[in-house]
Amino acid sequence: MTINKEFTDRLLNILDASPNRVVGTKYTKSVLNLFNKYPLADIKDSLNKLPADKYTYHLYEDFEHDRISGFGVRDDSRNPS
């Protein structure tokens, strides 16, 4: 899907520019803008397709309203071993 690739490319560019290797809708305004711009189904699909050996993601769930309120992504490949 073109939308998924566009979302993923933008997200990874933001993540690459992050000095702490972590971005999320709670902490990064540009990631919040992505969350508000793209459909939730495309966001979930794109996050699921990220290579698990390189990236870890977490969906922020709002249990009170039974919805996803955001997400965070960490680049594990840049962690020092």
N, C-alpha and C. Protein backbone atom coordinates (compact mmCIF):
# COMPACT_ATOMS: atom_id res chain seq x y z
N MET A 1 0.83 -1.18 0.00
CA MET A 1 0.00 0.00 0.00
C MET A 1 0.88 1.25 0.00
N THR A 2 0.52 2.21 -0.77
CA THR A 2 1.26 3.45 -0.87
C THR A 2 1.20 4.25 0.43
N ILE A 3 0.02 4.28 1.05
CA ILE A 3 -0.14 5.03 2.30
C ILE A 3 0.76 4.45 3.38
N ASN A 4 0.83 3.13 3.49
CA ASN A 4 1.67 2.51 4.51
C ASN A 4 3.13 2.84 4.29
N LYS A 5 3.59 2.81 3.05
CA LYS A 5 4.99 3.12 2.76
C LYS A 5 5.28 4.58 3.08
N GLU A 6 4.37 5.46 2.72
CA GLU A 6 4.56 6.88 3.02
C GLU A 6 4.63 7.12 4.53
N PHE A 7 3.72 6.50 5.27
CA PHE A 7 3.72 6.63 6.72
C PHE A 7 5.02 6.09 7.30
N THR A 8 5.40 4.89 6.88
CA THR A 8 6.61 4.25 7.40
C THR A 8 7.85 5.08 7.08
N ASP A 9 7.96 5.57 5.87
CA ASP A 9 9.11 6.40 5.49
C ASP A 9 9.21 7.64 6.36
N ARG A 10 8.09 8.31 6.57
CA ARG A 10 8.09 9.52 7.40
C ARG A 10 8.45 9.19 8.85
N LEU A 11 7.87 8.11 9.38
CA LEU A 11 8.14 7.72 10.76
C LEU A 11 9.61 7.38 10.94
N LEU A 12 10.17 6.60 10.04
CA LEU A 12 11.58 6.21 10.17
C LEU A 12 12.52 7.40 10.01
N ASN A 13 12.16 8.37 9.19
CA ASN A 13 12.96 9.59 9.07
C ASN A 13 12.98 10.36 10.38
N ILE A 14 11.83 10.45 11.02
CA ILE A 14 11.75 11.13 12.32
C ILE A 14 12.56 10.36 13.35
N LEU A 15 12.45 9.05 13.35
CA LEU A 15 13.19 8.20 14.29
C LEU A 15 14.69 8.31 14.07
N ASP A 16 15.12 8.33 12.82
CA ASP A 16 16.55 8.46 12.52
C ASP A 16 17.12 9.79 13.02
N ALA A 17 16.30 10.83 13.00
CA ALA A 17 16.75 12.14 13.44
C ALA A 17 16.71 12.30 14.97
N SER A 18 16.09 11.36 15.65
CA SER A 18 15.95 11.44 17.10
C SER A 18 17.25 11.01 17.79
N PRO A 19 17.81 11.87 18.63
CA PRO A 19 19.07 11.51 19.30
C PRO A 19 18.92 10.39 20.33
N ASN A 20 17.72 10.21 20.88
CA ASN A 20 17.54 9.18 21.91
C ASN A 20 16.94 7.88 21.38
N ARG A 21 16.76 7.77 20.07
CA ARG A 21 16.31 6.54 19.41
C ARG A 21 14.89 6.12 19.79
N VAL A 22 14.12 7.05 20.34
CA VAL A 22 12.74 6.77 20.73
C VAL A 22 11.87 7.95 20.31
N VAL A 23 10.74 7.65 19.68
CA VAL A 23 9.77 8.69 19.34
C VAL A 23 8.37 8.17 19.68
N GLY A 24 7.47 9.08 19.89
CA GLY A 24 6.10 8.67 20.18
C GLY A 24 5.16 9.86 20.15
N THR A 25 3.90 9.56 20.11
CA THR A 25 2.89 10.61 20.03
C THR A 25 2.84 11.44 21.31
N LYS A 26 3.27 10.87 22.43
CA LYS A 26 3.26 11.62 23.69
C LYS A 26 4.42 12.60 23.78
N TYR A 27 5.50 12.35 23.05
CA TYR A 27 6.72 13.14 23.23
C TYR A 27 7.19 13.87 21.98
N THR A 28 6.74 13.46 20.82
CA THR A 28 7.25 14.01 19.57
C THR A 28 6.10 14.57 18.75
N LYS A 29 6.09 15.89 18.60
CA LYS A 29 4.98 16.55 17.92
C LYS A 29 4.81 16.06 16.48
N SER A 30 5.91 15.83 15.76
CA SER A 30 5.80 15.38 14.37
C SER A 30 5.21 13.98 14.28
N VAL A 31 5.43 13.14 15.28
CA VAL A 31 4.82 11.80 15.29
C VAL A 31 3.33 11.92 15.61
N LEU A 32 2.97 12.83 16.50
CA LEU A 32 1.56 13.08 16.78
C LEU A 32 0.84 13.56 15.52
N ASN A 33 1.50 14.40 14.74
CA ASN A 33 0.92 14.86 13.47
C ASN A 33 0.68 13.68 12.52
N LEU A 34 1.63 12.73 12.47
CA LEU A 34 1.44 11.53 11.64
C LEU A 34 0.24 10.73 12.13
N PHE A 35 0.12 10.58 13.44
CA PHE A 35 -0.99 9.82 14.03
C PHE A 35 -2.33 10.44 13.66
N ASN A 36 -2.37 11.76 13.64
CA ASN A 36 -3.61 12.45 13.32
C ASN A 36 -3.89 12.48 11.82
N LYS A 37 -2.87 12.31 10.99
CA LYS A 37 -3.03 12.41 9.54
C LYS A 37 -3.45 11.09 8.88
N TYR A 38 -2.93 9.97 9.39
CA TYR A 38 -3.15 8.68 8.74
C TYR A 38 -4.22 7.86 9.47
N PRO A 39 -4.95 7.02 8.73
CA PRO A 39 -5.95 6.16 9.36
C PRO A 39 -5.30 5.15 10.32
N LEU A 40 -5.97 4.87 11.42
CA LEU A 40 -5.44 3.97 12.44
C LEU A 40 -5.13 2.59 11.86
N ALA A 41 -5.95 2.09 10.96
CA ALA A 41 -5.70 0.77 10.36
C ALA A 41 -4.36 0.75 9.61
N ASP A 42 -4.05 1.83 8.90
CA ASP A 42 -2.77 1.91 8.18
C ASP A 42 -1.60 2.03 9.13
N ILE A 43 -1.79 2.77 10.21
CA ILE A 43 -0.73 2.92 11.21
C ILE A 43 -0.42 1.56 11.84
N LYS A 44 -1.46 0.85 12.27
CA LYS A 44 -1.26 -0.48 12.88
C LYS A 44 -0.57 -1.43 11.90
N ASP A 45 -1.02 -1.45 10.66
CA ASP A 45 -0.45 -2.32 9.65
C ASP A 45 1.03 -1.98 9.42
N SER A 46 1.34 -0.70 9.34
CA SER A 46 2.72 -0.28 9.13
C SER A 46 3.60 -0.65 10.31
N LEU A 47 3.12 -0.45 11.52
CA LEU A 47 3.90 -0.80 12.70
C LEU A 47 4.13 -2.30 12.79
N ASN A 48 3.12 -3.08 12.42
CA ASN A 48 3.27 -4.55 12.43
C ASN A 48 4.30 -5.03 11.42
N LYS A 49 4.50 -4.27 10.36
CA LYS A 49 5.44 -4.68 9.31
C LYS A 49 6.87 -4.21 9.57
N LEU A 50 7.09 -3.42 10.61
CA LEU A 50 8.46 -3.03 10.94
C LEU A 50 9.25 -4.27 11.35
N PRO A 51 10.51 -4.38 10.93
CA PRO A 51 11.32 -5.54 11.31
C PRO A 51 11.46 -5.64 12.83
N ALA A 52 11.03 -6.74 13.39
CA ALA A 52 11.03 -6.92 14.84
C ALA A 52 12.43 -6.96 15.44
N ASP A 53 13.42 -7.31 14.63
CA ASP A 53 14.79 -7.35 15.14
C ASP A 53 15.42 -5.95 15.22
N LYS A 54 14.78 -4.96 14.61
CA LYS A 54 15.31 -3.60 14.62
C LYS A 54 14.47 -2.61 15.41
N TYR A 55 13.16 -2.83 15.45
CA TYR A 55 12.26 -1.84 16.06
C TYR A 55 11.29 -2.48 17.04
N THR A 56 11.00 -1.75 18.09
CA THR A 56 9.98 -2.14 19.06
C THR A 56 8.94 -1.03 19.06
N TYR A 57 7.67 -1.40 19.05
CA TYR A 57 6.63 -0.37 19.11
C TYR A 57 5.61 -0.73 20.18
N HIS A 58 4.90 0.27 20.61
CA HIS A 58 3.85 0.09 21.61
C HIS A 58 2.68 1.00 21.26
N LEU A 59 1.49 0.45 21.27
CA LEU A 59 0.28 1.24 21.05
C LEU A 59 -0.24 1.70 22.41
N TYR A 60 -0.53 2.98 22.54
CA TYR A 60 -1.10 3.53 23.77
C TYR A 60 -2.61 3.35 23.70
N GLU A 61 -3.15 2.61 24.65
CA GLU A 61 -4.58 2.33 24.64
C GLU A 61 -5.30 3.14 25.71
N ASP A 62 -6.40 3.73 25.33
CA ASP A 62 -7.27 4.47 26.23
C ASP A 62 -8.42 3.53 26.57
N PHE A 63 -8.30 2.83 27.69
CA PHE A 63 -9.29 1.82 28.05
C PHE A 63 -10.63 2.43 28.40
N GLU A 64 -10.61 3.64 28.94
CA GLU A 64 -11.85 4.30 29.31
C GLU A 64 -12.74 4.55 28.10
N HIS A 65 -12.11 4.93 26.98
CA HIS A 65 -12.88 5.20 25.77
C HIS A 65 -12.73 4.09 24.73
N ASP A 66 -12.03 3.01 25.08
CA ASP A 66 -11.85 1.85 24.22
C ASP A 66 -11.34 2.24 22.83
N ARG A 67 -10.18 2.91 22.82
CA ARG A 67 -9.58 3.31 21.56
C ARG A 67 -8.07 3.41 21.72
N ILE A 68 -7.38 3.47 20.60
CA ILE A 68 -5.94 3.67 20.58
C ILE A 68 -5.70 5.18 20.60
N SER A 69 -4.88 5.65 21.53
CA SER A 69 -4.67 7.09 21.67
C SER A 69 -3.31 7.54 21.15
N GLY A 70 -2.47 6.59 20.71
CA GLY A 70 -1.16 6.96 20.19
C GLY A 70 -0.25 5.75 20.11
N PHE A 71 1.03 6.01 19.84
CA PHE A 71 2.00 4.93 19.75
C PHE A 71 3.41 5.47 20.00
N GLY A 72 4.31 4.55 20.28
CA GLY A 72 5.72 4.88 20.44
C GLY A 72 6.55 3.84 19.71
N VAL A 73 7.72 4.25 19.20
CA VAL A 73 8.61 3.35 18.48
C VAL A 73 10.04 3.57 18.99
N ARG A 74 10.76 2.47 19.17
CA ARG A 74 12.16 2.53 19.58
C ARG A 74 13.01 1.81 18.53
N ASP A 75 14.13 2.40 18.20
CA ASP A 75 15.09 1.81 17.27
C ASP A 75 16.09 0.99 18.08
N ASP A 76 15.88 -0.32 18.14
CA ASP A 76 16.75 -1.21 18.92
C ASP A 76 18.08 -1.48 18.22
N SER A 77 18.15 -1.24 16.93
CA SER A 77 19.39 -1.54 16.20
C SER A 77 20.50 -0.55 16.54
N ARG A 78 20.15 0.60 17.07
CA ARG A 78 21.15 1.60 17.41
C ARG A 78 21.55 1.55 18.88
N ASN A 79 20.98 0.62 19.63
CA ASN A 79 21.35 0.48 21.04
C ASN A 79 22.74 -0.11 21.15
N PRO A 80 23.59 0.44 21.99
CA PRO A 80 24.91 -0.14 22.15
C PRO A 80 24.83 -1.49 22.84
N SER A 81 25.62 -2.43 22.38
CA SER A 81 25.60 -3.77 22.99
C SER A 81 26.81 -4.00 23.83
